[in-house]
Amino acid sequence: MQKTSINPVSAHPTSPSDSLFNGMDKVRRPTDAFWKAVLTVTAIAGTLDIIAAHLHIWAVTGKFPAMLLKAIAGAAIGRSAMQGGAGTMALGLFFHFFISFAFTLFFFLLYPRVVLLRKNRYVVAAGYALFTWAVMNYIVLPLSRLPWRAPSYADKQTYIGWVVLTLVFGLPIVFGASRHYKKRSVTRTGT
């Protein structure tokens, strides 16, 4: 026969086996909602970004960018990625979504801590896209195993790329975080 006791916090009867897990579902729910929101926004922003990259290269060159995912993989494994096949392309797609996940997670963690991020979502999205662009162009790409050249501020493609990044990456992340934290505050206040 199992011995039951009263949980001093909730005043509900518990058994010894319940005490270890008592209340864990309450603790886990916000975490589950957080990760679900981060992963959903990552999928949206990452997908829109890779589609926009393909369309941009196609619009500029007139050719389908078959090597784009190989180039992304090449940042980690070097020029040999350009001769790779489907596995290399899958690795490039993984790296792309991993980077998207990192930027999404970073913003979701900053959002409740930095009041400025909760002001004008459109301005914040443009600013976060510029931050993302700068980190990629001045930190990530120079550290990659592929040749790197600094972006040209005289080239209109630089500015077009930033606007596109704002629309397909910055806005989904900012609006996703805003929506998640609004839902969370409504759930906590019960309104």
N, C-alpha and C. Protein backbone atom coordinates (compact mmCIF):
# COMPACT_ATOMS: atom_id res chain seq x y z
N MET A 1 0.85 -1.17 0.00
CA MET A 1 0.00 0.00 0.00
C MET A 1 0.89 1.24 0.00
N GLN A 2 0.56 2.19 -0.90
CA GLN A 2 1.36 3.40 -1.01
C GLN A 2 0.94 4.43 0.01
N LYS A 3 1.92 5.08 0.57
CA LYS A 3 1.67 6.12 1.56
C LYS A 3 1.42 7.44 0.83
N THR A 4 0.39 8.18 1.19
CA THR A 4 0.12 9.47 0.59
C THR A 4 0.36 10.57 1.61
N SER A 5 0.70 11.71 1.10
CA SER A 5 0.90 12.88 1.96
C SER A 5 0.27 14.08 1.28
N ILE A 6 0.28 15.20 1.95
CA ILE A 6 -0.28 16.42 1.40
C ILE A 6 0.85 17.31 0.90
N ASN A 7 0.73 17.74 -0.33
CA ASN A 7 1.71 18.67 -0.91
C ASN A 7 1.49 20.02 -0.25
N PRO A 8 2.50 20.58 0.45
CA PRO A 8 2.32 21.83 1.17
C PRO A 8 2.07 23.03 0.25
N VAL A 9 2.48 22.95 -1.00
CA VAL A 9 2.28 24.07 -1.91
C VAL A 9 0.87 24.10 -2.46
N SER A 10 0.37 22.93 -2.91
CA SER A 10 -0.94 22.91 -3.55
C SER A 10 -2.05 22.38 -2.65
N ALA A 11 -1.69 21.79 -1.51
CA ALA A 11 -2.64 21.18 -0.57
C ALA A 11 -3.40 20.03 -1.22
N HIS A 12 -2.78 19.37 -2.21
CA HIS A 12 -3.37 18.20 -2.85
C HIS A 12 -2.65 16.95 -2.35
N PRO A 13 -3.38 15.84 -2.26
CA PRO A 13 -2.73 14.59 -1.85
C PRO A 13 -1.70 14.15 -2.90
N THR A 14 -0.60 13.64 -2.45
CA THR A 14 0.42 13.12 -3.36
C THR A 14 0.90 11.78 -2.84
N SER A 15 1.44 11.00 -3.74
CA SER A 15 2.08 9.75 -3.35
C SER A 15 3.57 9.97 -3.49
N PRO A 16 4.41 9.10 -2.89
CA PRO A 16 5.85 9.27 -3.01
C PRO A 16 6.32 9.31 -4.47
N SER A 17 5.69 8.54 -5.35
CA SER A 17 6.11 8.55 -6.76
C SER A 17 5.72 9.86 -7.44
N ASP A 18 4.65 10.51 -6.97
CA ASP A 18 4.23 11.78 -7.56
C ASP A 18 5.14 12.93 -7.15
N SER A 19 5.77 12.83 -5.99
CA SER A 19 6.52 13.97 -5.47
C SER A 19 7.68 14.37 -6.38
N LEU A 20 8.27 13.40 -7.05
CA LEU A 20 9.38 13.70 -7.94
C LEU A 20 8.92 14.50 -9.15
N PHE A 21 7.73 14.22 -9.65
CA PHE A 21 7.25 14.84 -10.87
C PHE A 21 6.14 15.86 -10.62
N ASN A 22 5.79 16.08 -9.38
CA ASN A 22 4.69 16.97 -9.06
C ASN A 22 4.95 18.38 -9.59
N GLY A 23 4.05 18.84 -10.41
CA GLY A 23 4.15 20.20 -10.93
C GLY A 23 5.05 20.34 -12.15
N MET A 24 5.69 19.26 -12.60
CA MET A 24 6.58 19.38 -13.75
C MET A 24 5.84 19.76 -15.01
N ASP A 25 4.59 19.30 -15.16
CA ASP A 25 3.84 19.66 -16.35
C ASP A 25 3.59 21.17 -16.39
N LYS A 26 3.43 21.78 -15.22
CA LYS A 26 3.24 23.23 -15.17
C LYS A 26 4.54 23.96 -15.53
N VAL A 27 5.65 23.42 -15.12
CA VAL A 27 6.94 24.04 -15.43
C VAL A 27 7.27 23.86 -16.90
N ARG A 28 6.92 22.73 -17.45
CA ARG A 28 7.30 22.39 -18.81
C ARG A 28 6.48 23.14 -19.86
N ARG A 29 5.23 23.45 -19.60
CA ARG A 29 4.38 24.05 -20.62
C ARG A 29 4.95 25.32 -21.22
N PRO A 30 5.39 26.30 -20.43
CA PRO A 30 5.95 27.50 -21.07
C PRO A 30 7.19 27.17 -21.91
N THR A 31 8.01 26.22 -21.45
CA THR A 31 9.19 25.83 -22.19
C THR A 31 8.79 25.19 -23.50
N ASP A 32 7.81 24.30 -23.46
CA ASP A 32 7.33 23.68 -24.69
C ASP A 32 6.79 24.72 -25.66
N ALA A 33 6.01 25.67 -25.15
CA ALA A 33 5.46 26.72 -26.01
C ALA A 33 6.58 27.59 -26.58
N PHE A 34 7.59 27.86 -25.78
CA PHE A 34 8.74 28.65 -26.24
C PHE A 34 9.44 27.95 -27.39
N TRP A 35 9.77 26.66 -27.19
CA TRP A 35 10.49 25.93 -28.23
C TRP A 35 9.64 25.75 -29.48
N LYS A 36 8.36 25.53 -29.29
CA LYS A 36 7.47 25.40 -30.44
C LYS A 36 7.46 26.70 -31.24
N ALA A 37 7.37 27.83 -30.55
CA ALA A 37 7.38 29.13 -31.23
C ALA A 37 8.71 29.37 -31.94
N VAL A 38 9.82 29.08 -31.26
CA VAL A 38 11.14 29.29 -31.87
C VAL A 38 11.30 28.41 -33.11
N LEU A 39 10.93 27.15 -33.02
CA LEU A 39 11.07 26.24 -34.15
C LEU A 39 10.14 26.59 -35.30
N THR A 40 8.92 27.02 -34.99
CA THR A 40 7.98 27.43 -36.03
C THR A 40 8.50 28.67 -36.76
N VAL A 41 8.95 29.65 -36.00
CA VAL A 41 9.47 30.88 -36.61
C VAL A 41 10.75 30.59 -37.40
N THR A 42 11.59 29.71 -36.88
CA THR A 42 12.79 29.30 -37.61
C THR A 42 12.40 28.69 -38.96
N ALA A 43 11.42 27.81 -38.95
CA ALA A 43 10.98 27.17 -40.20
C ALA A 43 10.44 28.20 -41.19
N ILE A 44 9.66 29.15 -40.71
CA ILE A 44 9.09 30.17 -41.60
C ILE A 44 10.18 31.08 -42.13
N ALA A 45 10.96 31.66 -41.23
CA ALA A 45 12.00 32.61 -41.66
C ALA A 45 13.08 31.93 -42.50
N GLY A 46 13.49 30.74 -42.10
CA GLY A 46 14.52 30.02 -42.85
C GLY A 46 14.06 29.64 -44.24
N THR A 47 12.81 29.19 -44.35
CA THR A 47 12.26 28.82 -45.65
C THR A 47 12.12 30.05 -46.55
N LEU A 48 11.55 31.12 -46.02
CA LEU A 48 11.42 32.34 -46.82
C LEU A 48 12.79 32.86 -47.25
N ASP A 49 13.77 32.78 -46.37
CA ASP A 49 15.11 33.27 -46.67
C ASP A 49 15.77 32.46 -47.79
N ILE A 50 15.69 31.15 -47.73
CA ILE A 50 16.35 30.32 -48.75
C ILE A 50 15.63 30.47 -50.09
N ILE A 51 14.31 30.61 -50.06
CA ILE A 51 13.57 30.86 -51.31
C ILE A 51 13.97 32.21 -51.89
N ALA A 52 14.05 33.22 -51.04
CA ALA A 52 14.43 34.57 -51.51
C ALA A 52 15.85 34.56 -52.07
N ALA A 53 16.75 33.82 -51.45
CA ALA A 53 18.13 33.74 -51.95
C ALA A 53 18.15 33.12 -53.34
N HIS A 54 17.41 32.04 -53.51
CA HIS A 54 17.34 31.40 -54.83
C HIS A 54 16.75 32.35 -55.87
N LEU A 55 15.64 33.01 -55.52
CA LEU A 55 15.00 33.93 -56.47
C LEU A 55 15.89 35.12 -56.80
N HIS A 56 16.60 35.62 -55.79
CA HIS A 56 17.49 36.77 -56.01
C HIS A 56 18.62 36.41 -56.98
N ILE A 57 19.25 35.27 -56.76
CA ILE A 57 20.34 34.85 -57.64
C ILE A 57 19.81 34.60 -59.05
N TRP A 58 18.64 33.98 -59.14
CA TRP A 58 18.03 33.73 -60.44
C TRP A 58 17.71 35.04 -61.16
N ALA A 59 17.18 36.03 -60.41
CA ALA A 59 16.84 37.32 -61.03
C ALA A 59 18.08 38.06 -61.51
N VAL A 60 19.17 37.97 -60.77
CA VAL A 60 20.40 38.69 -61.12
C VAL A 60 21.14 37.99 -62.26
N THR A 61 21.21 36.65 -62.20
CA THR A 61 22.02 35.92 -63.18
C THR A 61 21.21 35.34 -64.33
N GLY A 62 19.93 35.15 -64.14
CA GLY A 62 19.10 34.51 -65.15
C GLY A 62 19.22 33.00 -65.13
N LYS A 63 19.96 32.45 -64.17
CA LYS A 63 20.15 31.01 -64.06
C LYS A 63 19.69 30.53 -62.69
N PHE A 64 19.19 29.30 -62.65
CA PHE A 64 18.79 28.72 -61.38
C PHE A 64 20.05 28.45 -60.55
N PRO A 65 20.08 28.87 -59.30
CA PRO A 65 21.28 28.71 -58.46
C PRO A 65 21.43 27.31 -57.89
N ALA A 66 21.78 26.37 -58.75
CA ALA A 66 21.90 24.97 -58.32
C ALA A 66 23.00 24.77 -57.29
N MET A 67 23.97 25.66 -57.25
CA MET A 67 25.12 25.48 -56.36
C MET A 67 24.96 26.18 -55.00
N LEU A 68 23.84 26.85 -54.77
CA LEU A 68 23.68 27.65 -53.55
C LEU A 68 23.83 26.81 -52.29
N LEU A 69 23.14 25.70 -52.20
CA LEU A 69 23.23 24.86 -50.99
C LEU A 69 24.61 24.25 -50.85
N LYS A 70 25.26 23.94 -51.98
CA LYS A 70 26.63 23.43 -51.92
C LYS A 70 27.57 24.51 -51.40
N ALA A 71 27.34 25.75 -51.81
CA ALA A 71 28.18 26.85 -51.32
C ALA A 71 28.01 27.05 -49.82
N ILE A 72 26.78 26.89 -49.33
CA ILE A 72 26.54 27.00 -47.88
C ILE A 72 27.31 25.90 -47.15
N ALA A 73 27.25 24.68 -47.67
CA ALA A 73 28.01 23.57 -47.07
C ALA A 73 29.50 23.83 -47.19
N GLY A 74 29.91 24.45 -48.29
CA GLY A 74 31.32 24.74 -48.52
C GLY A 74 31.92 25.67 -47.48
N ALA A 75 31.08 26.45 -46.83
CA ALA A 75 31.59 27.32 -45.77
C ALA A 75 32.22 26.50 -44.66
N ALA A 76 31.75 25.28 -44.48
CA ALA A 76 32.29 24.42 -43.43
C ALA A 76 33.31 23.41 -43.96
N ILE A 77 33.08 22.89 -45.16
CA ILE A 77 33.96 21.82 -45.64
C ILE A 77 34.89 22.24 -46.77
N GLY A 78 34.78 23.47 -47.23
CA GLY A 78 35.70 23.97 -48.25
C GLY A 78 35.20 23.80 -49.67
N ARG A 79 36.07 24.11 -50.61
CA ARG A 79 35.71 24.11 -52.04
C ARG A 79 35.27 22.74 -52.56
N SER A 80 35.69 21.69 -51.91
CA SER A 80 35.30 20.35 -52.37
C SER A 80 33.78 20.16 -52.34
N ALA A 81 33.07 20.99 -51.58
CA ALA A 81 31.61 20.90 -51.52
C ALA A 81 30.97 21.13 -52.88
N MET A 82 31.64 21.91 -53.74
CA MET A 82 31.07 22.22 -55.05
C MET A 82 30.98 20.99 -55.95
N GLN A 83 31.76 19.96 -55.64
CA GLN A 83 31.68 18.71 -56.40
C GLN A 83 30.77 17.69 -55.71
N GLY A 84 30.23 18.06 -54.57
CA GLY A 84 29.38 17.14 -53.81
C GLY A 84 28.04 16.92 -54.47
N GLY A 85 27.30 15.99 -53.92
CA GLY A 85 25.99 15.65 -54.45
C GLY A 85 24.87 16.04 -53.51
N ALA A 86 23.87 15.18 -53.46
CA ALA A 86 22.69 15.45 -52.64
C ALA A 86 23.03 15.55 -51.15
N GLY A 87 23.99 14.75 -50.69
CA GLY A 87 24.39 14.81 -49.28
C GLY A 87 24.98 16.16 -48.92
N THR A 88 25.78 16.71 -49.83
CA THR A 88 26.37 18.03 -49.59
C THR A 88 25.29 19.11 -49.59
N MET A 89 24.33 18.97 -50.50
CA MET A 89 23.22 19.93 -50.53
C MET A 89 22.40 19.84 -49.24
N ALA A 90 22.18 18.62 -48.76
CA ALA A 90 21.44 18.45 -47.50
C ALA A 90 22.21 19.08 -46.34
N LEU A 91 23.54 18.93 -46.35
CA LEU A 91 24.36 19.56 -45.31
C LEU A 91 24.24 21.08 -45.38
N GLY A 92 24.25 21.63 -46.58
CA GLY A 92 24.07 23.07 -46.76
C GLY A 92 22.72 23.54 -46.24
N LEU A 93 21.68 22.76 -46.51
CA LEU A 93 20.35 23.10 -46.02
C LEU A 93 20.30 23.03 -44.50
N PHE A 94 20.96 22.01 -43.92
CA PHE A 94 21.04 21.91 -42.46
C PHE A 94 21.74 23.13 -41.88
N PHE A 95 22.89 23.51 -42.44
CA PHE A 95 23.61 24.69 -41.94
C PHE A 95 22.76 25.95 -42.06
N HIS A 96 22.04 26.08 -43.17
CA HIS A 96 21.18 27.25 -43.36
C HIS A 96 20.14 27.34 -42.24
N PHE A 97 19.46 26.22 -41.98
CA PHE A 97 18.43 26.25 -40.95
C PHE A 97 19.02 26.33 -39.54
N PHE A 98 20.20 25.80 -39.34
CA PHE A 98 20.85 25.95 -38.04
C PHE A 98 21.17 27.42 -37.76
N ILE A 99 21.67 28.12 -38.77
CA ILE A 99 21.96 29.55 -38.61
C ILE A 99 20.66 30.32 -38.39
N SER A 100 19.62 29.99 -39.13
CA SER A 100 18.31 30.62 -38.94
C SER A 100 17.81 30.38 -37.52
N PHE A 101 17.98 29.16 -37.03
CA PHE A 101 17.58 28.82 -35.67
C PHE A 101 18.36 29.65 -34.65
N ALA A 102 19.66 29.80 -34.86
CA ALA A 102 20.49 30.55 -33.91
C ALA A 102 20.04 32.02 -33.83
N PHE A 103 19.78 32.63 -34.97
CA PHE A 103 19.34 34.03 -34.96
C PHE A 103 17.93 34.16 -34.37
N THR A 104 17.07 33.20 -34.64
CA THR A 104 15.71 33.23 -34.09
C THR A 104 15.76 33.06 -32.57
N LEU A 105 16.50 32.08 -32.11
CA LEU A 105 16.63 31.84 -30.67
C LEU A 105 17.21 33.06 -29.97
N PHE A 106 18.24 33.66 -30.54
CA PHE A 106 18.87 34.83 -29.95
C PHE A 106 17.85 35.95 -29.77
N PHE A 107 17.04 36.20 -30.80
CA PHE A 107 16.05 37.27 -30.70
C PHE A 107 14.98 36.92 -29.66
N PHE A 108 14.51 35.68 -29.64
CA PHE A 108 13.51 35.27 -28.66
C PHE A 108 14.03 35.42 -27.24
N LEU A 109 15.31 35.18 -27.03
CA LEU A 109 15.89 35.35 -25.69
C LEU A 109 16.06 36.82 -25.33
N LEU A 110 16.38 37.65 -26.31
CA LEU A 110 16.54 39.08 -26.06
C LEU A 110 15.21 39.80 -25.85
N TYR A 111 14.19 39.39 -26.56
CA TYR A 111 12.92 40.11 -26.63
C TYR A 111 12.34 40.50 -25.26
N PRO A 112 12.22 39.59 -24.31
CA PRO A 112 11.63 40.01 -23.03
C PRO A 112 12.57 40.86 -22.17
N ARG A 113 13.84 40.88 -22.51
CA ARG A 113 14.83 41.59 -21.68
C ARG A 113 15.15 43.00 -22.17
N VAL A 114 14.88 43.28 -23.45
CA VAL A 114 15.22 44.58 -24.03
C VAL A 114 13.93 45.28 -24.44
N VAL A 115 13.55 46.28 -23.69
CA VAL A 115 12.28 46.98 -23.91
C VAL A 115 12.21 47.59 -25.31
N LEU A 116 13.30 48.07 -25.82
CA LEU A 116 13.35 48.69 -27.14
C LEU A 116 12.84 47.75 -28.23
N LEU A 117 13.02 46.45 -28.06
CA LEU A 117 12.59 45.47 -29.06
C LEU A 117 11.07 45.34 -29.14
N ARG A 118 10.36 45.90 -28.16
CA ARG A 118 8.91 45.80 -28.15
C ARG A 118 8.24 47.08 -28.63
N LYS A 119 9.02 47.98 -29.20
CA LYS A 119 8.46 49.25 -29.70
C LYS A 119 7.89 49.04 -31.10
N ASN A 120 8.43 49.67 -32.10
CA ASN A 120 7.95 49.58 -33.48
C ASN A 120 8.51 48.30 -34.12
N ARG A 121 7.65 47.34 -34.35
CA ARG A 121 8.10 46.04 -34.86
C ARG A 121 8.75 46.14 -36.24
N TYR A 122 8.30 47.05 -37.07
CA TYR A 122 8.88 47.18 -38.41
C TYR A 122 10.31 47.73 -38.35
N VAL A 123 10.53 48.71 -37.51
CA VAL A 123 11.87 49.27 -37.34
C VAL A 123 12.78 48.22 -36.69
N VAL A 124 12.27 47.52 -35.71
CA VAL A 124 13.05 46.46 -35.05
C VAL A 124 13.40 45.37 -36.06
N ALA A 125 12.46 45.00 -36.92
CA ALA A 125 12.72 43.97 -37.94
C ALA A 125 13.83 44.42 -38.89
N ALA A 126 13.77 45.69 -39.31
CA ALA A 126 14.83 46.21 -40.19
C ALA A 126 16.17 46.23 -39.47
N GLY A 127 16.16 46.64 -38.21
CA GLY A 127 17.39 46.65 -37.43
C GLY A 127 17.94 45.26 -37.19
N TYR A 128 17.06 44.29 -36.91
CA TYR A 128 17.54 42.93 -36.67
C TYR A 128 18.04 42.30 -37.97
N ALA A 129 17.41 42.63 -39.08
CA ALA A 129 17.90 42.14 -40.37
C ALA A 129 19.29 42.72 -40.66
N LEU A 130 19.49 43.99 -40.34
CA LEU A 130 20.80 44.61 -40.54
C LEU A 130 21.83 43.96 -39.61
N PHE A 131 21.46 43.69 -38.38
CA PHE A 131 22.34 43.00 -37.44
C PHE A 131 22.71 41.61 -37.98
N THR A 132 21.71 40.86 -38.44
CA THR A 132 21.93 39.52 -38.99
C THR A 132 22.86 39.59 -40.19
N TRP A 133 22.58 40.53 -41.09
CA TRP A 133 23.39 40.71 -42.29
C TRP A 133 24.84 41.03 -41.91
N ALA A 134 25.03 41.92 -40.94
CA ALA A 134 26.38 42.31 -40.52
C ALA A 134 27.12 41.12 -39.88
N VAL A 135 26.46 40.38 -39.03
CA VAL A 135 27.09 39.21 -38.40
C VAL A 135 27.50 38.20 -39.46
N MET A 136 26.61 37.95 -40.40
CA MET A 136 26.93 36.98 -41.46
C MET A 136 28.08 37.48 -42.33
N ASN A 137 28.06 38.75 -42.72
CA ASN A 137 29.05 39.28 -43.66
C ASN A 137 30.40 39.63 -43.04
N TYR A 138 30.40 39.94 -41.75
CA TYR A 138 31.66 40.37 -41.14
C TYR A 138 32.22 39.40 -40.09
N ILE A 139 31.44 38.38 -39.72
CA ILE A 139 31.94 37.39 -38.76
C ILE A 139 31.88 35.98 -39.34
N VAL A 140 30.68 35.53 -39.70
CA VAL A 140 30.50 34.14 -40.13
C VAL A 140 31.21 33.85 -41.46
N LEU A 141 30.93 34.64 -42.48
CA LEU A 141 31.53 34.38 -43.80
C LEU A 141 33.06 34.53 -43.81
N PRO A 142 33.63 35.55 -43.16
CA PRO A 142 35.10 35.61 -43.14
C PRO A 142 35.75 34.41 -42.43
N LEU A 143 35.04 33.80 -41.50
CA LEU A 143 35.57 32.64 -40.79
C LEU A 143 35.34 31.33 -41.55
N SER A 144 34.60 31.40 -42.64
CA SER A 144 34.29 30.18 -43.39
C SER A 144 35.49 29.73 -44.21
N ARG A 145 35.36 28.56 -44.80
CA ARG A 145 36.47 27.98 -45.57
C ARG A 145 36.41 28.38 -47.04
N LEU A 146 35.50 29.26 -47.40
CA LEU A 146 35.41 29.73 -48.78
C LEU A 146 35.98 31.14 -48.89
N PRO A 147 36.41 31.53 -50.08
CA PRO A 147 36.91 32.90 -50.23
C PRO A 147 35.81 33.91 -49.87
N TRP A 148 36.22 34.98 -49.23
CA TRP A 148 35.26 36.00 -48.80
C TRP A 148 35.71 37.35 -49.31
N ARG A 149 34.74 38.17 -49.68
CA ARG A 149 35.03 39.57 -50.00
C ARG A 149 33.99 40.43 -49.29
N ALA A 150 34.44 41.57 -48.84
CA ALA A 150 33.55 42.48 -48.12
C ALA A 150 32.44 42.96 -49.05
N PRO A 151 31.25 43.16 -48.50
CA PRO A 151 30.16 43.68 -49.33
C PRO A 151 30.48 45.08 -49.84
N SER A 152 30.01 45.38 -51.03
CA SER A 152 30.23 46.70 -51.62
C SER A 152 29.03 47.59 -51.33
N TYR A 153 29.29 48.69 -50.67
CA TYR A 153 28.20 49.63 -50.37
C TYR A 153 27.84 50.48 -51.58
N ALA A 154 28.62 50.38 -52.64
CA ALA A 154 28.31 51.07 -53.89
C ALA A 154 27.37 50.24 -54.76
N ASP A 155 27.20 48.99 -54.42
CA ASP A 155 26.36 48.07 -55.20
C ASP A 155 24.94 48.08 -54.66
N LYS A 156 23.99 48.36 -55.53
CA LYS A 156 22.59 48.41 -55.09
C LYS A 156 22.10 47.04 -54.59
N GLN A 157 22.74 45.95 -55.03
CA GLN A 157 22.34 44.62 -54.58
C GLN A 157 22.51 44.45 -53.07
N THR A 158 23.47 45.18 -52.50
CA THR A 158 23.67 45.14 -51.05
C THR A 158 22.42 45.63 -50.34
N TYR A 159 21.86 46.72 -50.83
CA TYR A 159 20.68 47.33 -50.19
C TYR A 159 19.41 46.52 -50.49
N ILE A 160 19.34 46.00 -51.69
CA ILE A 160 18.20 45.13 -52.03
C ILE A 160 18.22 43.90 -51.13
N GLY A 161 19.40 43.33 -50.93
CA GLY A 161 19.52 42.17 -50.06
C GLY A 161 19.09 42.46 -48.63
N TRP A 162 19.44 43.65 -48.14
CA TRP A 162 19.05 44.02 -46.77
C TRP A 162 17.53 44.19 -46.66
N VAL A 163 16.91 44.81 -47.66
CA VAL A 163 15.45 44.98 -47.65
C VAL A 163 14.77 43.61 -47.70
N VAL A 164 15.25 42.75 -48.57
CA VAL A 164 14.68 41.41 -48.68
C VAL A 164 14.86 40.66 -47.36
N LEU A 165 16.02 40.76 -46.76
CA LEU A 165 16.27 40.09 -45.47
C LEU A 165 15.33 40.62 -44.40
N THR A 166 15.03 41.91 -44.44
CA THR A 166 14.07 42.50 -43.50
C THR A 166 12.70 41.86 -43.69
N LEU A 167 12.27 41.73 -44.93
CA LEU A 167 10.93 41.20 -45.21
C LEU A 167 10.80 39.71 -44.91
N VAL A 168 11.80 38.92 -45.31
CA VAL A 168 11.65 37.47 -45.20
C VAL A 168 12.24 36.88 -43.93
N PHE A 169 13.08 37.64 -43.23
CA PHE A 169 13.74 37.11 -42.04
C PHE A 169 13.43 37.95 -40.81
N GLY A 170 13.66 39.24 -40.89
CA GLY A 170 13.44 40.12 -39.74
C GLY A 170 11.99 40.17 -39.29
N LEU A 171 11.09 40.41 -40.24
CA LEU A 171 9.67 40.52 -39.87
C LEU A 171 9.10 39.24 -39.26
N PRO A 172 9.33 38.06 -39.86
CA PRO A 172 8.79 36.85 -39.22
C PRO A 172 9.34 36.62 -37.81
N ILE A 173 10.60 36.91 -37.59
CA ILE A 173 11.19 36.70 -36.26
C ILE A 173 10.61 37.68 -35.26
N VAL A 174 10.55 38.94 -35.61
CA VAL A 174 10.03 39.96 -34.69
C VAL A 174 8.55 39.73 -34.39
N PHE A 175 7.76 39.49 -35.43
CA PHE A 175 6.33 39.26 -35.20
C PHE A 175 6.09 37.94 -34.46
N GLY A 176 6.91 36.92 -34.74
CA GLY A 176 6.78 35.65 -34.03
C GLY A 176 7.08 35.78 -32.55
N ALA A 177 8.14 36.50 -32.23
CA ALA A 177 8.49 36.70 -30.81
C ALA A 177 7.42 37.54 -30.13
N SER A 178 6.97 38.59 -30.79
CA SER A 178 5.94 39.45 -30.23
C SER A 178 4.67 38.64 -29.94
N ARG A 179 4.28 37.82 -30.87
CA ARG A 179 3.07 37.00 -30.70
C ARG A 179 3.25 36.00 -29.56
N HIS A 180 4.41 35.36 -29.51
CA HIS A 180 4.65 34.39 -28.44
C HIS A 180 4.56 35.03 -27.07
N TYR A 181 5.23 36.16 -26.89
CA TYR A 181 5.26 36.78 -25.57
C TYR A 181 3.93 37.44 -25.22
N LYS A 182 3.15 37.87 -26.21
CA LYS A 182 1.81 38.38 -25.91
C LYS A 182 0.92 37.24 -25.44
N LYS A 183 0.97 36.11 -26.13
CA LYS A 183 0.20 34.93 -25.70
C LYS A 183 0.58 34.52 -24.29
N ARG A 184 1.87 34.55 -24.02
CA ARG A 184 2.37 34.15 -22.71
C ARG A 184 1.86 35.08 -21.62
N SER A 185 1.86 36.40 -21.88
CA SER A 185 1.39 37.34 -20.86
C SER A 185 -0.12 37.23 -20.68
N VAL A 186 -0.87 36.95 -21.75
CA VAL A 186 -2.31 36.76 -21.64
C VAL A 186 -2.60 35.51 -20.83
N THR A 187 -1.85 34.45 -21.06
CA THR A 187 -2.03 33.21 -20.32
C THR A 187 -1.72 33.41 -18.84
N ARG A 188 -0.68 34.16 -18.54
CA ARG A 188 -0.32 34.39 -17.13
C ARG A 188 -1.34 35.27 -16.41
N THR A 189 -1.85 36.30 -17.10
CA THR A 189 -2.80 37.20 -16.44
C THR A 189 -4.21 36.65 -16.47
N GLY A 190 -4.47 35.72 -17.38
CA GLY A 190 -5.79 35.11 -17.44
C GLY A 190 -6.81 35.95 -18.16
N THR A 191 -6.37 36.95 -18.94
CA THR A 191 -7.33 37.77 -19.69
C THR A 191 -7.39 37.36 -21.12
